Amino acid sequence: VQLQASGGGLVQAGGSLRLSCTASRMITSVFNMHTMGWYRQAPGKQRELVATITSSRSTNYADSVKGRFTISRDNSQKKVYLRMNSLEPEDIAVYYCYISPPDQWGQGTLVTVSS
């Protein structure tokens, strides 16, 4: 499977962005069975979980983004989204799309927040 993320960019503090990730080289019925998610890696820090969504659409969020970020998926399009509201400078990072199994990450998309 290949994961292609997009939607990153520069936004002012308090602003919003929506990240998208498309899974390719995978048939839709198989995509539907996988947990999808987003991780991020800030400069000088380890990669950390941001949010996940299971095949049954159960979601999980890092405490730091609860109430501000929303993960969703469109199985027919083999896409997963991350809506990010009330962005803060602490959210600056490269954001990576994730699929499990097999615990694979795509290329990242950079989110920059200006204060």
N, C-alpha and C. Protein backbone atom coordinates (compact mmCIF):
# COMPACT_ATOMS: atom_id res chain seq x y z
N VAL A 1 0.84 -1.18 0.00
CA VAL A 1 0.00 0.00 0.00
C VAL A 1 0.88 1.24 0.00
N GLN A 2 0.39 2.28 -0.68
CA GLN A 2 1.07 3.58 -0.63
C GLN A 2 0.12 4.59 -0.02
N LEU A 3 0.66 5.47 0.81
CA LEU A 3 -0.13 6.50 1.48
C LEU A 3 0.37 7.85 1.02
N GLN A 4 -0.53 8.66 0.50
CA GLN A 4 -0.18 9.99 -0.02
C GLN A 4 -0.94 11.03 0.79
N ALA A 5 -0.21 11.82 1.56
CA ALA A 5 -0.81 12.85 2.40
C ALA A 5 -0.70 14.22 1.74
N SER A 6 -1.66 15.06 2.03
CA SER A 6 -1.65 16.43 1.52
C SER A 6 -2.43 17.32 2.45
N GLY A 7 -2.34 18.62 2.21
CA GLY A 7 -3.14 19.56 2.98
C GLY A 7 -2.38 20.39 3.99
N GLY A 8 -1.12 20.09 4.18
CA GLY A 8 -0.34 20.89 5.12
C GLY A 8 -0.08 22.28 4.57
N GLY A 9 0.43 23.14 5.44
CA GLY A 9 0.73 24.49 5.02
C GLY A 9 0.96 25.39 6.20
N LEU A 10 0.94 26.68 5.91
CA LEU A 10 1.15 27.69 6.94
C LEU A 10 -0.18 28.32 7.31
N VAL A 11 -0.45 28.40 8.61
CA VAL A 11 -1.69 28.99 9.09
C VAL A 11 -1.39 29.79 10.34
N GLN A 12 -2.19 30.79 10.59
CA GLN A 12 -2.03 31.57 11.81
C GLN A 12 -2.59 30.82 13.01
N ALA A 13 -2.09 31.12 14.16
CA ALA A 13 -2.61 30.51 15.39
C ALA A 13 -4.11 30.78 15.48
N GLY A 14 -4.83 29.73 15.84
CA GLY A 14 -6.28 29.82 15.90
C GLY A 14 -6.97 29.40 14.62
N GLY A 15 -6.18 29.21 13.57
CA GLY A 15 -6.73 28.83 12.28
C GLY A 15 -6.96 27.34 12.15
N SER A 16 -7.37 26.94 10.95
CA SER A 16 -7.74 25.55 10.69
C SER A 16 -7.07 25.04 9.41
N LEU A 17 -6.87 23.74 9.39
CA LEU A 17 -6.41 23.04 8.20
C LEU A 17 -7.08 21.68 8.15
N ARG A 18 -7.18 21.13 6.96
CA ARG A 18 -7.65 19.75 6.83
C ARG A 18 -6.62 18.97 6.04
N LEU A 19 -6.11 17.93 6.66
CA LEU A 19 -5.18 17.03 6.00
C LEU A 19 -5.96 15.88 5.37
N SER A 20 -5.47 15.42 4.24
CA SER A 20 -6.06 14.29 3.55
C SER A 20 -4.99 13.25 3.28
N CYS A 21 -5.39 12.02 3.25
CA CYS A 21 -4.47 10.93 2.92
C CYS A 21 -5.23 9.92 2.07
N THR A 22 -4.62 9.55 0.97
CA THR A 22 -5.21 8.57 0.07
C THR A 22 -4.35 7.32 0.04
N ALA A 23 -5.01 6.18 0.21
CA ALA A 23 -4.32 4.90 0.12
C ALA A 23 -4.45 4.37 -1.30
N SER A 24 -3.35 4.00 -1.88
CA SER A 24 -3.37 3.42 -3.21
C SER A 24 -2.74 2.03 -3.17
N ARG A 25 -2.89 1.34 -4.28
CA ARG A 25 -2.40 -0.05 -4.38
C ARG A 25 -3.07 -0.92 -3.33
N MET A 26 -4.36 -0.66 -3.11
CA MET A 26 -5.14 -1.43 -2.14
C MET A 26 -6.58 -1.37 -2.58
N ILE A 27 -7.25 -2.53 -2.65
CA ILE A 27 -8.64 -2.49 -3.05
C ILE A 27 -9.50 -1.99 -1.90
N THR A 28 -10.63 -1.43 -2.24
CA THR A 28 -11.48 -0.77 -1.26
C THR A 28 -11.90 -1.70 -0.14
N SER A 29 -12.28 -2.91 -0.46
CA SER A 29 -12.77 -3.84 0.57
C SER A 29 -11.68 -4.15 1.59
N VAL A 30 -10.43 -4.13 1.16
CA VAL A 30 -9.33 -4.36 2.09
C VAL A 30 -9.07 -3.11 2.91
N PHE A 31 -9.10 -1.93 2.28
CA PHE A 31 -8.91 -0.67 3.00
C PHE A 31 -9.89 -0.58 4.17
N ASN A 32 -11.12 -0.97 3.91
CA ASN A 32 -12.18 -0.85 4.92
C ASN A 32 -11.84 -1.57 6.22
N MET A 33 -10.98 -2.57 6.14
CA MET A 33 -10.70 -3.41 7.31
C MET A 33 -9.56 -2.88 8.17
N HIS A 34 -8.89 -1.84 7.69
CA HIS A 34 -7.70 -1.37 8.37
C HIS A 34 -7.98 -0.16 9.26
N THR A 35 -7.24 -0.08 10.34
CA THR A 35 -7.20 1.13 11.14
C THR A 35 -6.32 2.15 10.43
N MET A 36 -6.80 3.39 10.37
CA MET A 36 -6.05 4.49 9.77
C MET A 36 -5.77 5.52 10.85
N GLY A 37 -4.77 6.34 10.59
CA GLY A 37 -4.48 7.35 11.60
C GLY A 37 -3.49 8.39 11.13
N TRP A 38 -3.19 9.26 12.06
CA TRP A 38 -2.21 10.32 11.82
C TRP A 38 -1.23 10.36 13.00
N TYR A 39 0.03 10.48 12.66
CA TYR A 39 1.09 10.73 13.62
C TYR A 39 1.73 12.07 13.25
N ARG A 40 2.52 12.61 14.16
CA ARG A 40 3.25 13.81 13.85
C ARG A 40 4.62 13.78 14.52
N GLN A 41 5.53 14.52 13.93
CA GLN A 41 6.87 14.64 14.49
C GLN A 41 7.28 16.10 14.44
N ALA A 42 7.42 16.66 15.62
CA ALA A 42 7.86 18.05 15.75
C ALA A 42 9.38 18.09 15.71
N PRO A 43 9.95 19.24 15.38
CA PRO A 43 11.42 19.36 15.32
C PRO A 43 12.06 18.96 16.64
N GLY A 44 13.01 18.06 16.57
CA GLY A 44 13.73 17.63 17.75
C GLY A 44 12.98 16.69 18.67
N LYS A 45 11.82 16.22 18.24
CA LYS A 45 11.02 15.33 19.09
C LYS A 45 10.74 14.02 18.37
N GLN A 46 10.28 13.05 19.15
CA GLN A 46 9.93 11.76 18.58
C GLN A 46 8.55 11.84 17.92
N ARG A 47 8.33 10.93 16.99
CA ARG A 47 7.02 10.83 16.36
C ARG A 47 5.99 10.41 17.40
N GLU A 48 4.82 11.03 17.35
CA GLU A 48 3.78 10.71 18.33
C GLU A 48 2.42 10.53 17.64
N LEU A 49 1.60 9.76 18.30
CA LEU A 49 0.26 9.52 17.79
C LEU A 49 -0.58 10.78 17.93
N VAL A 50 -1.34 11.09 16.88
CA VAL A 50 -2.30 12.20 16.93
C VAL A 50 -3.72 11.64 17.05
N ALA A 51 -4.08 10.77 16.13
CA ALA A 51 -5.45 10.23 16.13
C ALA A 51 -5.50 8.97 15.29
N THR A 52 -6.42 8.08 15.65
CA THR A 52 -6.67 6.89 14.85
C THR A 52 -8.17 6.69 14.68
N ILE A 53 -8.51 5.95 13.64
CA ILE A 53 -9.91 5.58 13.41
C ILE A 53 -9.93 4.15 12.90
N THR A 54 -10.74 3.32 13.54
CA THR A 54 -10.77 1.91 13.20
C THR A 54 -11.74 1.66 12.05
N SER A 55 -11.81 0.40 11.65
CA SER A 55 -12.73 0.02 10.58
C SER A 55 -14.18 0.26 10.98
N SER A 56 -14.47 0.21 12.26
CA SER A 56 -15.82 0.47 12.75
C SER A 56 -16.00 1.94 13.13
N ARG A 57 -15.02 2.75 12.78
CA ARG A 57 -15.04 4.21 12.98
C ARG A 57 -14.93 4.61 14.45
N SER A 58 -14.40 3.75 15.25
CA SER A 58 -14.06 4.14 16.61
C SER A 58 -12.80 5.00 16.55
N THR A 59 -12.81 6.11 17.28
CA THR A 59 -11.69 7.05 17.20
C THR A 59 -10.93 7.15 18.52
N ASN A 60 -9.69 7.55 18.40
CA ASN A 60 -8.82 7.76 19.56
C ASN A 60 -7.95 8.97 19.26
N TYR A 61 -7.78 9.83 20.28
CA TYR A 61 -7.02 11.06 20.09
C TYR A 61 -5.98 11.23 21.19
N ALA A 62 -4.89 11.87 20.83
CA ALA A 62 -3.93 12.30 21.83
C ALA A 62 -4.59 13.37 22.69
N ASP A 63 -4.26 13.41 23.96
CA ASP A 63 -4.87 14.38 24.86
C ASP A 63 -4.65 15.81 24.37
N SER A 64 -3.52 16.06 23.75
CA SER A 64 -3.17 17.41 23.34
C SER A 64 -4.04 17.95 22.20
N VAL A 65 -4.75 17.06 21.51
CA VAL A 65 -5.57 17.52 20.38
C VAL A 65 -7.05 17.28 20.58
N LYS A 66 -7.43 16.63 21.67
CA LYS A 66 -8.85 16.36 21.92
C LYS A 66 -9.65 17.65 21.94
N GLY A 67 -10.77 17.62 21.25
CA GLY A 67 -11.63 18.80 21.19
C GLY A 67 -11.25 19.77 20.10
N ARG A 68 -10.07 19.59 19.50
CA ARG A 68 -9.63 20.50 18.43
C ARG A 68 -9.51 19.79 17.08
N PHE A 69 -9.10 18.53 17.12
CA PHE A 69 -8.89 17.76 15.89
C PHE A 69 -9.97 16.71 15.74
N THR A 70 -10.33 16.42 14.50
CA THR A 70 -11.31 15.38 14.20
C THR A 70 -10.81 14.51 13.06
N ILE A 71 -10.76 13.22 13.31
CA ILE A 71 -10.36 12.29 12.26
C ILE A 71 -11.60 11.65 11.66
N SER A 72 -11.57 11.42 10.36
CA SER A 72 -12.68 10.78 9.68
C SER A 72 -12.14 9.99 8.49
N ARG A 73 -12.99 9.16 7.93
CA ARG A 73 -12.56 8.36 6.79
C ARG A 73 -13.69 8.23 5.78
N ASP A 74 -13.29 8.10 4.52
CA ASP A 74 -14.21 7.84 3.43
C ASP A 74 -13.73 6.55 2.77
N ASN A 75 -14.35 5.47 3.12
CA ASN A 75 -13.88 4.18 2.63
C ASN A 75 -14.03 4.04 1.12
N SER A 76 -15.07 4.63 0.56
CA SER A 76 -15.29 4.50 -0.88
C SER A 76 -14.16 5.18 -1.68
N GLN A 77 -13.55 6.19 -1.06
CA GLN A 77 -12.45 6.90 -1.72
C GLN A 77 -11.09 6.46 -1.20
N LYS A 78 -11.09 5.57 -0.23
CA LYS A 78 -9.85 5.12 0.42
C LYS A 78 -9.07 6.30 0.97
N LYS A 79 -9.79 7.16 1.67
CA LYS A 79 -9.18 8.36 2.22
C LYS A 79 -9.40 8.45 3.73
N VAL A 80 -8.48 9.10 4.38
CA VAL A 80 -8.63 9.47 5.78
C VAL A 80 -8.30 10.95 5.90
N TYR A 81 -9.05 11.63 6.77
CA TYR A 81 -8.90 13.07 6.92
C TYR A 81 -8.57 13.42 8.37
N LEU A 82 -7.93 14.56 8.52
CA LEU A 82 -7.72 15.12 9.85
C LEU A 82 -8.08 16.59 9.79
N ARG A 83 -9.19 16.93 10.41
CA ARG A 83 -9.60 18.31 10.51
C ARG A 83 -8.96 18.89 11.77
N MET A 84 -8.21 19.97 11.60
CA MET A 84 -7.49 20.56 12.72
C MET A 84 -7.98 21.99 12.93
N ASN A 85 -8.60 22.23 14.05
CA ASN A 85 -9.09 23.56 14.41
C ASN A 85 -8.27 24.12 15.56
N SER A 86 -8.39 25.43 15.75
CA SER A 86 -7.71 26.11 16.86
C SER A 86 -6.23 25.73 16.93
N LEU A 87 -5.58 25.80 15.80
CA LEU A 87 -4.19 25.39 15.74
C LEU A 87 -3.30 26.30 16.58
N GLU A 88 -2.30 25.68 17.18
CA GLU A 88 -1.38 26.36 18.08
C GLU A 88 0.05 26.15 17.58
N PRO A 89 0.96 27.03 17.98
CA PRO A 89 2.36 26.81 17.58
C PRO A 89 2.88 25.44 18.00
N GLU A 90 2.32 24.90 19.08
CA GLU A 90 2.74 23.57 19.54
C GLU A 90 2.34 22.45 18.57
N ASP A 91 1.48 22.77 17.61
CA ASP A 91 1.05 21.78 16.62
C ASP A 91 1.99 21.72 15.42
N ILE A 92 2.97 22.58 15.39
CA ILE A 92 3.94 22.57 14.28
C ILE A 92 4.64 21.22 14.23
N ALA A 93 4.56 20.57 13.08
CA ALA A 93 5.15 19.25 12.93
C ALA A 93 4.97 18.78 11.50
N VAL A 94 5.66 17.71 11.17
CA VAL A 94 5.36 16.96 9.96
C VAL A 94 4.33 15.90 10.34
N TYR A 95 3.24 15.86 9.63
CA TYR A 95 2.15 14.94 9.93
C TYR A 95 2.20 13.78 8.93
N TYR A 96 2.11 12.57 9.49
CA TYR A 96 2.22 11.35 8.70
C TYR A 96 0.92 10.54 8.77
N CYS A 97 0.49 10.12 7.62
CA CYS A 97 -0.64 9.19 7.53
C CYS A 97 -0.16 7.79 7.92
N TYR A 98 -1.07 7.01 8.48
CA TYR A 98 -0.69 5.71 9.07
C TYR A 98 -1.76 4.68 8.75
N ILE A 99 -1.33 3.44 8.54
CA ILE A 99 -2.26 2.34 8.34
C ILE A 99 -1.79 1.14 9.14
N SER A 100 -2.76 0.43 9.73
CA SER A 100 -2.44 -0.76 10.53
C SER A 100 -3.52 -1.80 10.37
N PRO A 101 -3.16 -3.08 10.18
CA PRO A 101 -1.78 -3.46 9.88
C PRO A 101 -1.39 -3.01 8.49
N PRO A 102 -0.12 -2.85 8.21
CA PRO A 102 1.04 -3.42 8.87
C PRO A 102 1.90 -2.39 9.60
N ASP A 103 1.29 -1.39 10.24
CA ASP A 103 2.04 -0.31 10.90
C ASP A 103 2.97 0.37 9.90
N GLN A 104 2.36 1.00 8.92
CA GLN A 104 3.09 1.68 7.86
C GLN A 104 2.72 3.15 7.83
N TRP A 105 3.73 3.99 7.57
CA TRP A 105 3.52 5.43 7.47
C TRP A 105 3.82 5.89 6.06
N GLY A 106 3.09 6.91 5.61
CA GLY A 106 3.36 7.51 4.32
C GLY A 106 4.35 8.65 4.46
N GLN A 107 4.52 9.39 3.38
CA GLN A 107 5.38 10.56 3.46
C GLN A 107 4.62 11.64 4.22
N GLY A 108 5.30 12.55 4.82
CA GLY A 108 4.64 13.52 5.66
C GLY A 108 4.23 14.78 4.93
N THR A 109 3.41 15.56 5.62
CA THR A 109 3.03 16.88 5.14
C THR A 109 3.26 17.86 6.28
N LEU A 110 3.90 18.98 5.99
CA LEU A 110 4.33 19.91 7.02
C LEU A 110 3.22 20.88 7.38
N VAL A 111 2.99 21.01 8.66
CA VAL A 111 2.05 22.00 9.19
C VAL A 111 2.85 23.02 10.00
N THR A 112 2.70 24.27 9.65
CA THR A 112 3.38 25.37 10.35
C THR A 112 2.33 26.34 10.85
N VAL A 113 2.46 26.74 12.10
CA VAL A 113 1.51 27.66 12.72
C VAL A 113 2.28 28.88 13.18
N SER A 114 1.86 30.03 12.71
CA SER A 114 2.52 31.27 13.12
C SER A 114 1.78 31.89 14.29
N SER A 115 2.53 32.41 15.22
CA SER A 115 1.92 32.99 16.42
C SER A 115 1.70 34.49 16.25
